[in-house]
Amino acid sequence: MEIQVLQKGKVLALDYGKRRIGVASGDIEAGIAFPRVVIQNKSLPYVLGELTKMYKELDVKMIVIGLPLSMQEDQRENRIMKDVKTFVDTLNATFKDVEIALIDERLSSFEADQLMSEYKIEGPDDLYAAQIILQRFFNKMKA
């Protein structure tokens, strides 16, 4: 997927999961990701409602979603990848003026667990995995 890199604006990053969706936010110019919230994945309308609130509040220009690629070389598609791609299609239909970008999220949950352990943070790792995904995206933009 080709990404048209924006010069300004707010970005949301999502670590999609069947039970929870971690959300991080940041500003393209600053290039720093911050953990924001964990959305309980109760239903698609609920999730879209929560994302719409953030979209309006922050005036979001881009949404970055972690794509759970396989650790195998052949990158075969797994069930969660299919779920993420279906979710992306829904986001594209809902947020028509926002660019949606996918980024490799491999090992982001592992990194989040390490971060949480190091700083003695309790709770689900989804929030920090989203932060890691967004920071990877910003770092890739700078490279």
N, C-alpha and C. Protein backbone atom coordinates (compact mmCIF):
# COMPACT_ATOMS: atom_id res chain seq x y z
N MET A 1 0.83 -1.17 0.00
CA MET A 1 0.00 0.00 0.00
C MET A 1 0.88 1.24 0.00
N GLU A 2 0.74 2.09 -0.97
CA GLU A 2 1.51 3.33 -1.09
C GLU A 2 0.96 4.37 -0.13
N ILE A 3 1.82 5.00 0.64
CA ILE A 3 1.40 5.99 1.62
C ILE A 3 1.78 7.38 1.12
N GLN A 4 0.79 8.25 1.06
CA GLN A 4 1.06 9.65 0.74
C GLN A 4 1.37 10.32 2.07
N VAL A 5 2.62 10.69 2.28
CA VAL A 5 3.04 11.23 3.57
C VAL A 5 2.57 12.67 3.71
N LEU A 6 1.82 12.90 4.77
CA LEU A 6 1.33 14.23 5.08
C LEU A 6 2.40 15.01 5.81
N GLN A 7 2.35 16.31 5.69
CA GLN A 7 3.34 17.16 6.35
C GLN A 7 2.88 17.64 7.72
N LYS A 8 1.54 17.75 7.91
CA LYS A 8 0.98 18.26 9.16
C LYS A 8 -0.25 17.47 9.53
N GLY A 9 -0.55 17.50 10.81
CA GLY A 9 -1.81 16.91 11.27
C GLY A 9 -1.63 15.84 12.31
N LYS A 10 -2.75 15.45 12.88
CA LYS A 10 -2.78 14.43 13.92
C LYS A 10 -2.97 13.05 13.30
N VAL A 11 -2.37 12.07 13.95
CA VAL A 11 -2.43 10.69 13.50
C VAL A 11 -2.90 9.82 14.67
N LEU A 12 -3.79 8.89 14.36
CA LEU A 12 -4.15 7.85 15.32
C LEU A 12 -3.51 6.56 14.86
N ALA A 13 -3.06 5.75 15.81
CA ALA A 13 -2.56 4.41 15.49
C ALA A 13 -3.41 3.41 16.25
N LEU A 14 -3.72 2.30 15.58
CA LEU A 14 -4.57 1.28 16.17
C LEU A 14 -3.85 -0.06 16.20
N ASP A 15 -3.90 -0.68 17.37
CA ASP A 15 -3.44 -2.06 17.52
C ASP A 15 -4.72 -2.88 17.63
N TYR A 16 -5.18 -3.41 16.49
CA TYR A 16 -6.46 -4.09 16.42
C TYR A 16 -6.41 -5.48 17.03
N GLY A 17 -7.41 -5.77 17.85
CA GLY A 17 -7.57 -7.10 18.42
C GLY A 17 -9.04 -7.44 18.52
N LYS A 18 -9.35 -8.71 18.60
CA LYS A 18 -10.75 -9.15 18.67
C LYS A 18 -11.44 -8.66 19.94
N ARG A 19 -10.70 -8.51 21.03
CA ARG A 19 -11.29 -8.07 22.30
C ARG A 19 -11.04 -6.60 22.60
N ARG A 20 -9.84 -6.12 22.22
CA ARG A 20 -9.47 -4.74 22.54
C ARG A 20 -8.72 -4.12 21.37
N ILE A 21 -8.84 -2.80 21.28
CA ILE A 21 -8.09 -2.05 20.27
C ILE A 21 -7.32 -0.95 21.00
N GLY A 22 -6.00 -1.05 20.96
CA GLY A 22 -5.17 -0.02 21.55
C GLY A 22 -5.10 1.16 20.61
N VAL A 23 -5.14 2.36 21.19
CA VAL A 23 -5.09 3.59 20.38
C VAL A 23 -3.99 4.49 20.90
N ALA A 24 -3.17 4.96 19.99
CA ALA A 24 -2.15 5.96 20.30
C ALA A 24 -2.38 7.14 19.38
N SER A 25 -1.84 8.29 19.75
CA SER A 25 -1.97 9.47 18.89
C SER A 25 -0.65 10.22 18.87
N GLY A 26 -0.54 11.06 17.88
CA GLY A 26 0.65 11.88 17.75
C GLY A 26 0.47 12.88 16.64
N ASP A 27 1.41 13.78 16.56
CA ASP A 27 1.40 14.83 15.55
C ASP A 27 2.51 14.53 14.54
N ILE A 28 2.18 14.63 13.28
CA ILE A 28 3.14 14.31 12.22
C ILE A 28 4.41 15.15 12.34
N GLU A 29 4.25 16.45 12.59
CA GLU A 29 5.43 17.33 12.67
C GLU A 29 6.34 16.97 13.84
N ALA A 30 5.76 16.68 15.00
CA ALA A 30 6.56 16.34 16.18
C ALA A 30 7.15 14.95 16.05
N GLY A 31 6.41 14.03 15.45
CA GLY A 31 6.90 12.67 15.26
C GLY A 31 7.05 11.87 16.53
N ILE A 32 6.22 12.18 17.54
CA ILE A 32 6.27 11.46 18.81
C ILE A 32 4.90 10.86 19.08
N ALA A 33 4.89 9.56 19.41
CA ALA A 33 3.65 8.84 19.67
C ALA A 33 3.35 8.79 21.17
N PHE A 34 2.08 8.93 21.50
CA PHE A 34 1.63 8.88 22.89
C PHE A 34 0.51 7.86 23.02
N PRO A 35 0.55 7.04 24.08
CA PRO A 35 -0.57 6.12 24.31
C PRO A 35 -1.81 6.94 24.63
N ARG A 36 -2.97 6.48 24.15
CA ARG A 36 -4.19 7.27 24.35
C ARG A 36 -5.25 6.51 25.14
N VAL A 37 -5.75 5.39 24.59
CA VAL A 37 -6.86 4.69 25.23
C VAL A 37 -6.94 3.26 24.67
N VAL A 38 -7.60 2.40 25.41
CA VAL A 38 -7.94 1.07 24.91
C VAL A 38 -9.45 1.04 24.72
N ILE A 39 -9.88 0.69 23.52
CA ILE A 39 -11.31 0.57 23.22
C ILE A 39 -11.68 -0.91 23.30
N GLN A 40 -12.70 -1.19 24.08
CA GLN A 40 -13.21 -2.56 24.13
C GLN A 40 -13.91 -2.84 22.81
N ASN A 41 -13.54 -3.92 22.16
CA ASN A 41 -14.10 -4.25 20.85
C ASN A 41 -15.43 -5.00 21.04
N LYS A 42 -16.42 -4.26 21.57
CA LYS A 42 -17.74 -4.83 21.86
C LYS A 42 -18.53 -5.11 20.59
N SER A 43 -18.47 -4.14 19.70
CA SER A 43 -19.19 -4.24 18.42
C SER A 43 -18.59 -3.21 17.48
N LEU A 44 -18.78 -3.42 16.19
CA LEU A 44 -18.26 -2.48 15.21
C LEU A 44 -18.85 -1.08 15.38
N PRO A 45 -20.17 -0.95 15.57
CA PRO A 45 -20.73 0.40 15.78
C PRO A 45 -20.14 1.10 17.01
N TYR A 46 -19.90 0.34 18.08
CA TYR A 46 -19.31 0.93 19.28
C TYR A 46 -17.90 1.45 18.98
N VAL A 47 -17.09 0.62 18.35
CA VAL A 47 -15.71 1.01 18.02
C VAL A 47 -15.69 2.22 17.10
N LEU A 48 -16.51 2.21 16.07
CA LEU A 48 -16.57 3.34 15.14
C LEU A 48 -17.02 4.61 15.86
N GLY A 49 -17.94 4.48 16.79
CA GLY A 49 -18.39 5.64 17.57
C GLY A 49 -17.25 6.24 18.39
N GLU A 50 -16.48 5.38 19.04
CA GLU A 50 -15.35 5.86 19.85
C GLU A 50 -14.27 6.50 18.95
N LEU A 51 -14.00 5.89 17.83
CA LEU A 51 -13.00 6.45 16.91
C LEU A 51 -13.49 7.77 16.32
N THR A 52 -14.78 7.87 16.03
CA THR A 52 -15.34 9.11 15.49
C THR A 52 -15.19 10.25 16.48
N LYS A 53 -15.39 9.98 17.77
CA LYS A 53 -15.20 11.02 18.80
C LYS A 53 -13.76 11.54 18.77
N MET A 54 -12.79 10.62 18.70
CA MET A 54 -11.38 11.04 18.67
C MET A 54 -11.06 11.77 17.37
N TYR A 55 -11.61 11.27 16.27
CA TYR A 55 -11.41 11.89 14.96
C TYR A 55 -11.83 13.36 15.00
N LYS A 56 -13.00 13.62 15.56
CA LYS A 56 -13.51 14.99 15.63
C LYS A 56 -12.72 15.83 16.63
N GLU A 57 -12.43 15.26 17.78
CA GLU A 57 -11.71 15.98 18.83
C GLU A 57 -10.31 16.41 18.37
N LEU A 58 -9.62 15.51 17.70
CA LEU A 58 -8.22 15.78 17.32
C LEU A 58 -8.06 16.31 15.89
N ASP A 59 -9.13 16.27 15.10
CA ASP A 59 -9.06 16.62 13.68
C ASP A 59 -8.01 15.73 12.99
N VAL A 60 -8.23 14.43 13.09
CA VAL A 60 -7.30 13.41 12.60
C VAL A 60 -7.17 13.47 11.08
N LYS A 61 -5.93 13.40 10.59
CA LYS A 61 -5.65 13.41 9.15
C LYS A 61 -5.25 12.04 8.63
N MET A 62 -4.81 11.15 9.55
CA MET A 62 -4.34 9.83 9.13
C MET A 62 -4.57 8.83 10.25
N ILE A 63 -4.87 7.59 9.86
CA ILE A 63 -4.97 6.48 10.80
C ILE A 63 -3.98 5.41 10.35
N VAL A 64 -3.14 4.99 11.28
CA VAL A 64 -2.15 3.95 11.02
C VAL A 64 -2.60 2.70 11.77
N ILE A 65 -2.63 1.59 11.07
CA ILE A 65 -3.07 0.35 11.68
C ILE A 65 -1.96 -0.69 11.57
N GLY A 66 -1.70 -1.35 12.68
CA GLY A 66 -0.71 -2.41 12.69
C GLY A 66 -1.21 -3.63 11.93
N LEU A 67 -0.42 -4.11 11.00
CA LEU A 67 -0.76 -5.31 10.23
C LEU A 67 0.05 -6.47 10.80
N PRO A 68 -0.64 -7.47 11.35
CA PRO A 68 0.04 -8.59 12.00
C PRO A 68 0.59 -9.60 10.99
N LEU A 69 1.70 -9.26 10.39
CA LEU A 69 2.33 -10.15 9.43
C LEU A 69 2.87 -11.39 10.11
N SER A 70 2.91 -12.47 9.38
CA SER A 70 3.43 -13.73 9.88
C SER A 70 4.94 -13.62 10.05
N MET A 71 5.46 -14.35 11.00
CA MET A 71 6.91 -14.36 11.21
C MET A 71 7.61 -15.22 10.16
N GLN A 72 6.85 -16.05 9.43
CA GLN A 72 7.43 -16.85 8.36
C GLN A 72 7.78 -15.98 7.17
N GLU A 73 8.75 -16.41 6.40
CA GLU A 73 9.20 -15.66 5.24
C GLU A 73 8.12 -15.46 4.20
N ASP A 74 7.23 -16.43 4.05
CA ASP A 74 6.23 -16.34 2.96
C ASP A 74 5.10 -15.36 3.26
N GLN A 75 5.06 -14.82 4.48
CA GLN A 75 4.06 -13.83 4.86
C GLN A 75 2.63 -14.27 4.59
N ARG A 76 2.36 -15.56 4.75
CA ARG A 76 1.00 -16.01 4.46
C ARG A 76 -0.01 -15.30 5.35
N GLU A 77 -1.16 -15.11 4.76
CA GLU A 77 -2.22 -14.38 5.46
C GLU A 77 -2.83 -15.27 6.53
N ASN A 78 -2.99 -14.73 7.71
CA ASN A 78 -3.61 -15.45 8.81
C ASN A 78 -4.98 -14.83 9.12
N ARG A 79 -5.70 -15.43 10.03
CA ARG A 79 -7.07 -14.98 10.34
C ARG A 79 -7.11 -13.53 10.82
N ILE A 80 -6.21 -13.16 11.70
CA ILE A 80 -6.24 -11.79 12.22
C ILE A 80 -5.91 -10.77 11.12
N MET A 81 -5.04 -11.16 10.17
CA MET A 81 -4.76 -10.27 9.03
C MET A 81 -6.03 -10.00 8.23
N LYS A 82 -6.82 -11.05 8.03
CA LYS A 82 -8.08 -10.89 7.30
C LYS A 82 -9.02 -9.97 8.07
N ASP A 83 -9.08 -10.13 9.40
CA ASP A 83 -9.92 -9.27 10.23
C ASP A 83 -9.46 -7.82 10.14
N VAL A 84 -8.15 -7.60 10.19
CA VAL A 84 -7.62 -6.24 10.10
C VAL A 84 -7.97 -5.63 8.74
N LYS A 85 -7.80 -6.39 7.68
CA LYS A 85 -8.11 -5.85 6.34
C LYS A 85 -9.59 -5.52 6.20
N THR A 86 -10.46 -6.34 6.77
CA THR A 86 -11.90 -6.05 6.75
C THR A 86 -12.18 -4.77 7.55
N PHE A 87 -11.52 -4.63 8.69
CA PHE A 87 -11.66 -3.44 9.53
C PHE A 87 -11.17 -2.20 8.77
N VAL A 88 -10.08 -2.33 8.05
CA VAL A 88 -9.55 -1.21 7.25
C VAL A 88 -10.56 -0.79 6.19
N ASP A 89 -11.20 -1.75 5.55
CA ASP A 89 -12.23 -1.44 4.55
C ASP A 89 -13.35 -0.62 5.18
N THR A 90 -13.75 -0.99 6.39
CA THR A 90 -14.80 -0.26 7.11
C THR A 90 -14.33 1.15 7.45
N LEU A 91 -13.07 1.28 7.90
CA LEU A 91 -12.54 2.61 8.21
C LEU A 91 -12.48 3.49 6.97
N ASN A 92 -12.08 2.92 5.85
CA ASN A 92 -12.04 3.68 4.59
C ASN A 92 -13.42 4.20 4.22
N ALA A 93 -14.44 3.39 4.45
CA ALA A 93 -15.82 3.80 4.12
C ALA A 93 -16.34 4.83 5.11
N THR A 94 -15.89 4.76 6.36
CA THR A 94 -16.37 5.66 7.41
C THR A 94 -15.64 7.00 7.40
N PHE A 95 -14.33 6.96 7.27
CA PHE A 95 -13.50 8.17 7.33
C PHE A 95 -12.94 8.44 5.94
N LYS A 96 -13.78 8.93 5.07
CA LYS A 96 -13.40 9.09 3.65
C LYS A 96 -12.29 10.12 3.41
N ASP A 97 -12.16 11.10 4.28
CA ASP A 97 -11.15 12.14 4.08
C ASP A 97 -9.86 11.89 4.86
N VAL A 98 -9.73 10.69 5.42
CA VAL A 98 -8.56 10.34 6.22
C VAL A 98 -7.77 9.26 5.50
N GLU A 99 -6.47 9.45 5.40
CA GLU A 99 -5.63 8.40 4.81
C GLU A 99 -5.47 7.28 5.83
N ILE A 100 -5.59 6.05 5.36
CA ILE A 100 -5.41 4.87 6.19
C ILE A 100 -4.12 4.19 5.73
N ALA A 101 -3.22 3.96 6.67
CA ALA A 101 -1.94 3.32 6.33
C ALA A 101 -1.76 2.07 7.19
N LEU A 102 -1.20 1.03 6.59
CA LEU A 102 -0.87 -0.20 7.30
C LEU A 102 0.63 -0.24 7.53
N ILE A 103 1.02 -0.71 8.70
CA ILE A 103 2.44 -0.84 9.00
C ILE A 103 2.67 -2.17 9.73
N ASP A 104 3.79 -2.78 9.45
CA ASP A 104 4.17 -4.05 10.07
C ASP A 104 4.19 -3.89 11.60
N GLU A 105 3.42 -4.71 12.27
CA GLU A 105 3.36 -4.62 13.73
C GLU A 105 4.04 -5.79 14.43
N ARG A 106 4.76 -6.61 13.67
CA ARG A 106 5.40 -7.77 14.29
C ARG A 106 6.21 -7.37 15.52
N LEU A 107 6.01 -8.14 16.56
CA LEU A 107 6.71 -8.01 17.84
C LEU A 107 6.36 -6.74 18.62
N SER A 108 5.36 -5.97 18.17
CA SER A 108 4.99 -4.75 18.92
C SER A 108 4.44 -5.11 20.30
N SER A 109 3.67 -6.18 20.40
CA SER A 109 3.14 -6.59 21.72
C SER A 109 4.27 -7.07 22.62
N PHE A 110 5.24 -7.76 22.05
CA PHE A 110 6.41 -8.19 22.82
C PHE A 110 7.17 -6.96 23.35
N GLU A 111 7.38 -5.97 22.49
CA GLU A 111 8.06 -4.73 22.91
C GLU A 111 7.25 -4.00 23.97
N ALA A 112 5.92 -3.99 23.81
CA ALA A 112 5.05 -3.34 24.79
C ALA A 112 5.16 -4.04 26.14
N ASP A 113 5.18 -5.37 26.13
CA ASP A 113 5.32 -6.13 27.38
C ASP A 113 6.64 -5.81 28.06
N GLN A 114 7.71 -5.69 27.28
CA GLN A 114 9.02 -5.34 27.85
C GLN A 114 8.99 -3.94 28.47
N LEU A 115 8.39 -3.01 27.77
CA LEU A 115 8.27 -1.64 28.25
C LEU A 115 7.47 -1.60 29.56
N MET A 116 6.36 -2.32 29.57
CA MET A 116 5.51 -2.34 30.76
C MET A 116 6.22 -2.99 31.94
N SER A 117 6.97 -4.03 31.67
CA SER A 117 7.72 -4.71 32.72
C SER A 117 8.81 -3.78 33.28
N GLU A 118 9.51 -3.13 32.38
CA GLU A 118 10.61 -2.24 32.79
C GLU A 118 10.11 -1.09 33.66
N TYR A 119 8.96 -0.52 33.32
CA TYR A 119 8.43 0.63 34.06
C TYR A 119 7.32 0.24 35.04
N LYS A 120 7.14 -1.07 35.24
CA LYS A 120 6.16 -1.60 36.19
C LYS A 120 4.77 -1.05 35.95
N ILE A 121 4.33 -1.15 34.70
CA ILE A 121 3.00 -0.68 34.30
C ILE A 121 2.07 -1.89 34.26
N GLU A 122 0.90 -1.77 34.86
CA GLU A 122 -0.09 -2.84 34.89
C GLU A 122 -1.11 -2.63 33.76
N GLY A 123 -1.78 -3.71 33.37
CA GLY A 123 -2.88 -3.61 32.41
C GLY A 123 -2.55 -4.26 31.08
N PRO A 124 -3.51 -4.13 30.14
CA PRO A 124 -3.31 -4.74 28.82
C PRO A 124 -2.22 -4.01 28.03
N ASP A 125 -1.51 -4.77 27.19
CA ASP A 125 -0.40 -4.19 26.43
C ASP A 125 -0.86 -3.47 25.15
N ASP A 126 -2.15 -3.54 24.83
CA ASP A 126 -2.66 -2.98 23.57
C ASP A 126 -2.33 -1.49 23.42
N LEU A 127 -2.43 -0.76 24.51
CA LEU A 127 -2.18 0.68 24.50
C LEU A 127 -0.75 1.00 24.07
N TYR A 128 0.19 0.28 24.65
CA TYR A 128 1.60 0.55 24.36
C TYR A 128 2.03 -0.07 23.04
N ALA A 129 1.35 -1.14 22.63
CA ALA A 129 1.61 -1.69 21.29
C ALA A 129 1.20 -0.66 20.23
N ALA A 130 0.08 0.03 20.45
CA ALA A 130 -0.36 1.08 19.52
C ALA A 130 0.67 2.21 19.48
N GLN A 131 1.20 2.57 20.63
CA GLN A 131 2.23 3.60 20.69
C GLN A 131 3.47 3.18 19.90
N ILE A 132 3.88 1.95 20.06
CA ILE A 132 5.05 1.43 19.34
C ILE A 132 4.80 1.43 17.83
N ILE A 133 3.60 1.02 17.42
CA ILE A 133 3.24 1.02 16.00
C ILE A 133 3.34 2.42 15.43
N LEU A 134 2.80 3.40 16.14
CA LEU A 134 2.83 4.78 15.64
C LEU A 134 4.25 5.33 15.62
N GLN A 135 5.04 5.01 16.64
CA GLN A 135 6.42 5.50 16.66
C GLN A 135 7.23 4.88 15.51
N ARG A 136 6.99 3.61 15.21
CA ARG A 136 7.64 2.98 14.05
C ARG A 136 7.28 3.73 12.77
N PHE A 137 6.00 4.08 12.65
CA PHE A 137 5.54 4.81 11.47
C PHE A 137 6.26 6.16 11.36
N PHE A 138 6.32 6.91 12.47
CA PHE A 138 7.01 8.19 12.44
C PHE A 138 8.49 8.02 12.10
N ASN A 139 9.12 7.02 12.69
CA ASN A 139 10.54 6.77 12.42
C ASN A 139 10.76 6.42 10.94
N LYS A 140 9.84 5.65 10.38
CA LYS A 140 9.93 5.28 8.96
C LYS A 140 9.78 6.52 8.06
N MET A 141 8.92 7.44 8.46
CA MET A 141 8.73 8.68 7.70
C MET A 141 10.00 9.53 7.68
N LYS A 142 10.71 9.53 8.81
CA LYS A 142 11.92 10.34 8.94
C LYS A 142 13.09 9.76 8.15
N ALA A 143 13.07 8.43 7.97
CA ALA A 143 14.20 7.72 7.33
C ALA A 143 14.32 8.06 5.87
